[in-house]
């Protein structure tokens, strides 16, 4: 559902975020399918999907160049190299439509950006500006295709502000579309229990990254792909329900076919 085409009763920012962890929600990996809100049902709104996702990781902030965080850069890239051809992507094929068949993806680039330097807070507008400037320059970040998804990891200690909300206060990550055709996800570093959910920091990042990955593939322009008016996107319905795929903690995602989080 396009936000500029239909009146709704929800906060437009809320359809594209990883919400804070609520104590009592199962966050530890479990092989068991988790319950979801009753009558959850994603319906297709005729917008684009990302058929064969091409992930570009962008690590913004000087902290990513020094220990201990520099090691996480390589680990997150390895996560994408594995997960983009894994069973997690296979399970999304139930949402294929005539013009968009979801298949395995790949990571097509990575860069660490130390300048412009970050302070203690950064807005979504500033993130968009940085991304668009990097794309225009073409030196560190490839230009977008219909399948490109930029994953922007913000260095530890920096709060991300989206609209009237902030990371670790209202959300742990989000995805969005700039200029209608630049798809991106923003991942603040999990610096609070609300964004770790009792997981280790790396596991929390892979869980929230998988949440936004699956949502961006199935609903790249929030509300215009596969969406549920009451419960949100494919990951929202199953927020903080996790499992392991290979050695990585990922979030369960809603399956219309199974009528549960899987």
Protein backbone atom coordinates (compact mmCIF):
# COMPACT_ATOMS: atom_id res chain seq x y z
CA UNK A 1 0.00 0.00 0.00
CA UNK A 2 1.55 3.30 -1.06
CA UNK A 3 1.52 5.79 1.77
CA UNK A 4 0.68 8.61 -0.62
CA UNK A 5 -2.22 6.76 -2.19
CA UNK A 6 -4.26 5.43 0.72
CA UNK A 7 -5.16 6.79 4.12
CA UNK A 8 -4.01 4.63 7.02
CA UNK A 9 -4.14 4.74 10.80
CA UNK A 10 -0.50 3.86 11.47
CA UNK A 11 2.72 5.83 11.79
CA UNK A 12 4.33 5.66 8.31
CA UNK A 13 7.75 5.14 9.89
CA UNK A 14 6.51 2.09 11.79
CA UNK A 15 6.05 -0.03 8.67
CA UNK A 16 9.75 -0.19 7.91
CA UNK A 17 11.55 -0.61 11.23
CA UNK A 18 12.89 -3.35 13.47
CA UNK A 19 11.05 -2.59 16.72
CA UNK A 20 12.70 -2.69 20.13
CA UNK A 21 12.92 -6.05 21.84
CA UNK A 22 10.18 -6.61 24.41
CA UNK A 23 11.25 -8.71 27.43
CA UNK A 24 9.53 -12.06 27.35
CA UNK A 25 9.74 -12.31 23.57
CA UNK A 26 11.75 -15.33 22.42
CA UNK A 27 15.03 -13.93 21.09
CA UNK A 28 17.26 -16.97 21.50
CA UNK A 29 17.60 -19.25 18.46
CA UNK A 30 15.03 -22.01 18.44
CA UNK A 31 14.08 -24.57 15.78
CA UNK A 32 10.43 -24.23 16.71
CA UNK A 33 8.08 -22.11 14.64
CA UNK A 34 6.79 -19.17 16.66
CA UNK A 35 3.21 -17.94 16.96
CA UNK A 36 2.20 -14.68 15.32
CA UNK A 37 -0.74 -12.29 15.57
CA UNK A 38 -4.05 -13.91 14.61
CA UNK A 39 -5.26 -13.46 11.04
CA UNK A 40 -1.91 -12.19 9.77
CA UNK A 41 -1.92 -12.16 5.98
CA UNK A 42 0.41 -10.42 3.56
CA UNK A 43 -1.18 -9.19 0.35
CA UNK A 44 0.59 -7.91 -2.74
CA UNK A 45 0.15 -4.20 -3.52
CA UNK A 46 1.49 -4.27 -7.12
CA UNK A 47 4.78 -2.52 -6.40
CA UNK A 48 8.31 -3.72 -7.17
CA UNK A 49 10.11 -6.60 -5.44
CA UNK A 50 13.85 -7.22 -5.42
CA UNK A 51 14.23 -10.36 -7.51
CA UNK A 52 17.94 -11.20 -7.15
CA UNK A 53 19.21 -8.94 -4.41
CA UNK A 54 22.65 -7.36 -4.78
CA UNK A 55 23.82 -6.25 -1.35
CA UNK A 56 26.38 -3.48 -0.95
CA UNK A 57 27.59 -3.05 2.63
CA UNK A 58 28.62 0.42 3.78
CA UNK A 59 30.28 0.84 7.17
CA UNK A 60 30.02 4.49 8.15
CA UNK A 61 32.35 5.81 10.84
CA UNK A 62 36.01 5.67 11.79
CA UNK A 63 35.33 3.12 14.54
CA UNK A 64 34.94 0.44 11.86
CA UNK A 65 38.63 0.81 10.96
CA UNK A 66 39.96 -0.03 14.43
CA UNK A 67 39.73 -2.94 16.87
CA UNK A 68 37.47 -4.40 18.07
CA UNK A 69 34.89 -3.29 15.49
CA UNK A 70 37.06 -3.74 12.39
CA UNK A 71 36.76 -7.52 12.75
CA UNK A 72 32.97 -7.26 12.61
CA UNK A 73 33.17 -5.77 9.10
CA UNK A 74 34.54 -9.01 7.70
CA UNK A 75 32.13 -11.12 9.72
CA UNK A 76 29.10 -9.23 8.47
CA UNK A 77 30.29 -9.50 4.88
CA UNK A 78 30.71 -13.25 5.37
CA UNK A 79 27.19 -13.37 6.78
CA UNK A 80 25.78 -11.88 3.59
CA UNK A 81 27.94 -14.09 1.37
CA UNK A 82 26.34 -17.10 3.04
CA UNK A 83 22.81 -15.97 3.73
CA UNK A 84 22.06 -14.62 0.24
CA UNK A 85 22.22 -18.14 -1.22
CA UNK A 86 20.68 -19.89 1.77
CA UNK A 87 17.35 -21.39 2.75
CA UNK A 88 16.32 -17.99 4.13
CA UNK A 89 16.06 -16.66 0.58
CA UNK A 90 14.48 -19.89 -0.67
CA UNK A 91 11.56 -19.48 1.72
CA UNK A 92 10.71 -16.10 0.17
CA UNK A 93 9.85 -17.67 -3.19
CA UNK A 94 6.26 -18.14 -2.09
CA UNK A 95 5.94 -14.39 -2.67
CA UNK A 96 6.93 -14.58 -6.33
CA UNK A 97 4.71 -12.62 -8.70
CA UNK A 98 4.58 -12.65 -12.48
CA UNK A 99 7.05 -9.79 -12.99
CA UNK A 100 9.25 -10.52 -9.99
CA UNK A 101 10.56 -14.00 -9.18
CA UNK A 102 12.72 -14.06 -6.04
CA UNK A 103 15.99 -15.96 -6.43
CA UNK A 104 19.35 -16.15 -4.68
CA UNK A 105 21.35 -12.95 -4.45
CA UNK A 106 24.96 -11.93 -3.89
CA UNK A 107 27.06 -9.29 -2.23
CA UNK A 108 28.42 -6.95 -4.90
CA UNK A 109 30.48 -4.51 -2.88
CA UNK A 110 31.65 -3.20 0.47
CA UNK A 111 33.27 -0.01 1.69
CA UNK A 112 34.16 1.73 4.93
CA UNK A 113 33.61 5.48 5.04
CA UNK A 114 35.38 7.52 7.71
CA UNK A 115 34.47 10.93 6.25
CA UNK A 116 32.26 12.81 6.65
CA UNK A 117 32.86 12.06 10.31
CA UNK A 118 29.96 11.12 12.56
CA UNK A 119 29.25 12.72 15.93
CA UNK A 120 26.72 11.38 18.42
CA UNK A 121 23.66 11.49 16.18
CA UNK A 122 22.79 11.18 12.48
CA UNK A 123 19.45 11.64 10.73
CA UNK A 124 17.95 9.56 7.96
CA UNK A 125 18.24 12.67 5.79
CA UNK A 126 21.98 12.82 6.38
CA UNK A 127 22.28 9.10 5.62
CA UNK A 128 20.42 9.56 2.35
CA UNK A 129 22.64 12.51 1.44
CA UNK A 130 25.81 10.51 2.13
CA UNK A 131 24.52 7.57 0.09
CA UNK A 132 23.43 9.69 -2.85
CA UNK A 133 26.76 11.55 -2.88
CA UNK A 134 28.69 8.29 -2.81
CA UNK A 135 26.61 6.92 -5.67
CA UNK A 136 27.12 10.09 -7.70
CA UNK A 137 30.87 10.01 -7.14
CA UNK A 138 31.04 6.35 -8.09
CA UNK A 139 34.41 5.76 -6.45
CA UNK A 140 33.43 3.65 -3.45
CA UNK A 141 29.81 2.69 -3.99
CA UNK A 142 28.38 1.16 -7.19
CA UNK A 143 25.42 2.75 -8.90
CA UNK A 144 22.06 1.13 -8.17
CA UNK A 145 20.28 -1.44 -10.28
CA UNK A 146 16.75 -2.70 -9.77
CA UNK A 147 18.25 -5.33 -7.44
CA UNK A 148 20.70 -3.21 -5.45
CA UNK A 149 20.20 -2.96 -1.69
CA UNK A 150 22.62 -0.78 0.27
CA UNK A 151 23.13 -1.87 3.88
CA UNK A 152 24.49 1.03 5.94
CA UNK A 153 26.03 0.09 9.28
CA UNK A 154 26.46 3.09 11.58
CA UNK A 155 29.39 2.99 13.96
CA UNK A 156 28.87 2.30 17.68
CA UNK A 157 27.88 5.23 19.86
CA UNK A 158 25.90 7.06 17.17
CA UNK A 159 22.13 7.44 17.49
CA UNK A 160 20.11 7.26 14.27
CA UNK A 161 17.07 9.53 14.00
CA UNK A 162 14.18 8.69 11.68
CA UNK A 163 11.32 11.18 11.67
CA UNK A 164 10.44 11.74 15.33
CA UNK A 165 12.02 8.48 16.51
CA UNK A 166 15.53 7.35 17.41
CA UNK A 167 17.46 4.10 17.59
CA UNK A 168 17.50 2.41 20.97
CA UNK A 169 14.42 4.47 21.85
CA UNK A 170 11.94 3.29 19.23
CA UNK A 171 13.72 1.06 16.70
CA UNK A 172 16.81 -1.04 15.96
CA UNK A 173 17.00 -0.62 12.20
CA UNK A 174 14.89 0.17 9.16
CA UNK A 175 14.73 0.06 5.38
CA UNK A 176 13.56 2.70 2.97
CA UNK A 177 13.66 3.93 -0.63
CA UNK A 178 15.28 7.18 -1.76
CA UNK A 179 14.26 8.92 -4.98
CA UNK A 180 11.92 6.00 -5.61
CA UNK A 181 14.62 3.65 -6.85
CA UNK A 182 17.51 3.60 -4.36
CA UNK A 183 16.78 0.87 -1.83
CA UNK A 184 18.67 0.97 1.45
CA UNK A 185 18.66 -0.38 5.00
CA UNK A 186 20.13 1.36 8.03
CA UNK A 187 21.56 -0.63 10.90
CA UNK A 188 22.54 1.30 14.04
CA UNK A 189 24.96 -0.56 16.26
CA UNK A 190 23.00 -2.40 18.99
CA UNK A 191 24.00 -0.42 22.07
CA UNK A 192 21.04 -1.20 24.31
CA UNK A 193 19.17 -4.27 25.52
CA UNK A 194 16.20 -3.22 23.42
CA UNK A 195 18.32 -3.85 20.32
CA UNK A 196 20.26 -6.91 21.47
CA UNK A 197 17.34 -8.85 22.88
CA UNK A 198 19.73 -10.85 25.10
CA UNK A 199 21.78 -11.81 22.03
CA UNK A 200 25.47 -11.06 21.49
CA UNK A 201 25.99 -7.87 19.47
CA UNK A 202 26.98 -9.72 16.29
CA UNK A 203 24.01 -12.10 16.54
CA UNK A 204 21.70 -9.15 17.15
CA UNK A 205 23.04 -7.50 13.99
CA UNK A 206 22.56 -10.61 11.86
CA UNK A 207 19.03 -11.01 13.24
CA UNK A 208 18.01 -7.43 12.56
CA UNK A 209 19.85 -7.46 9.21
CA UNK A 210 17.90 -10.55 8.14
CA UNK A 211 14.68 -8.82 9.22
CA UNK A 212 15.39 -5.85 6.96
CA UNK A 213 16.82 -7.99 4.16
CA UNK A 214 13.64 -10.04 3.82
CA UNK A 215 11.43 -6.99 4.16
CA UNK A 216 13.39 -5.05 1.54
CA UNK A 217 13.19 -7.97 -0.90
CA UNK A 218 9.44 -8.41 -0.50
CA UNK A 219 8.51 -4.75 0.09
CA UNK A 220 11.34 -2.46 -1.11
CA UNK A 221 9.13 0.63 -1.22
CA UNK A 222 7.45 0.27 2.17
CA UNK A 223 3.77 -0.56 1.81
CA UNK A 224 3.85 -1.11 -1.96
CA UNK A 225 4.96 -4.77 -2.09
CA UNK A 226 3.82 -7.56 0.24
CA UNK A 227 2.14 -5.98 3.26
CA UNK A 228 -0.43 -6.55 6.00
CA UNK A 229 -2.46 -3.47 6.99
CA UNK A 230 -2.65 -4.54 10.62
CA UNK A 231 0.68 -6.28 11.26
CA UNK A 232 3.09 -4.73 8.78
CA UNK A 233 5.77 -6.40 6.66
CA UNK A 234 7.05 -9.97 6.53
CA UNK A 235 9.49 -9.41 9.38
CA UNK A 236 7.30 -7.22 11.59
CA UNK A 237 4.88 -10.07 12.18
CA UNK A 238 7.70 -12.22 13.59
CA UNK A 239 9.91 -9.59 15.26
CA UNK A 240 12.52 -11.05 17.66
CA UNK A 241 11.58 -14.66 16.90
CA UNK A 242 14.88 -16.19 15.81
CA UNK A 243 16.46 -19.36 14.45
CA UNK A 244 19.82 -20.40 13.04
CA UNK A 245 20.59 -20.77 9.35
CA UNK A 246 24.03 -22.29 9.11
CA UNK A 247 26.01 -20.64 11.89
CA UNK A 248 24.04 -17.41 11.81
CA UNK A 249 21.16 -16.13 13.92
CA UNK A 250 18.36 -14.85 11.71
CA UNK A 251 14.82 -13.80 12.34
CA UNK A 252 11.83 -15.95 11.49
CA UNK A 253 9.69 -14.53 8.69
CA UNK A 254 5.97 -14.74 8.08
CA UNK A 255 4.76 -17.44 5.67
CA UNK A 256 1.31 -17.06 4.15
CA UNK A 257 1.49 -20.68 3.01
CA UNK A 258 2.31 -22.09 6.44
CA UNK A 259 0.21 -19.47 8.25
CA UNK A 260 2.97 -18.94 10.82
CA UNK A 261 6.45 -17.58 11.36
CA UNK A 262 9.04 -19.95 9.90
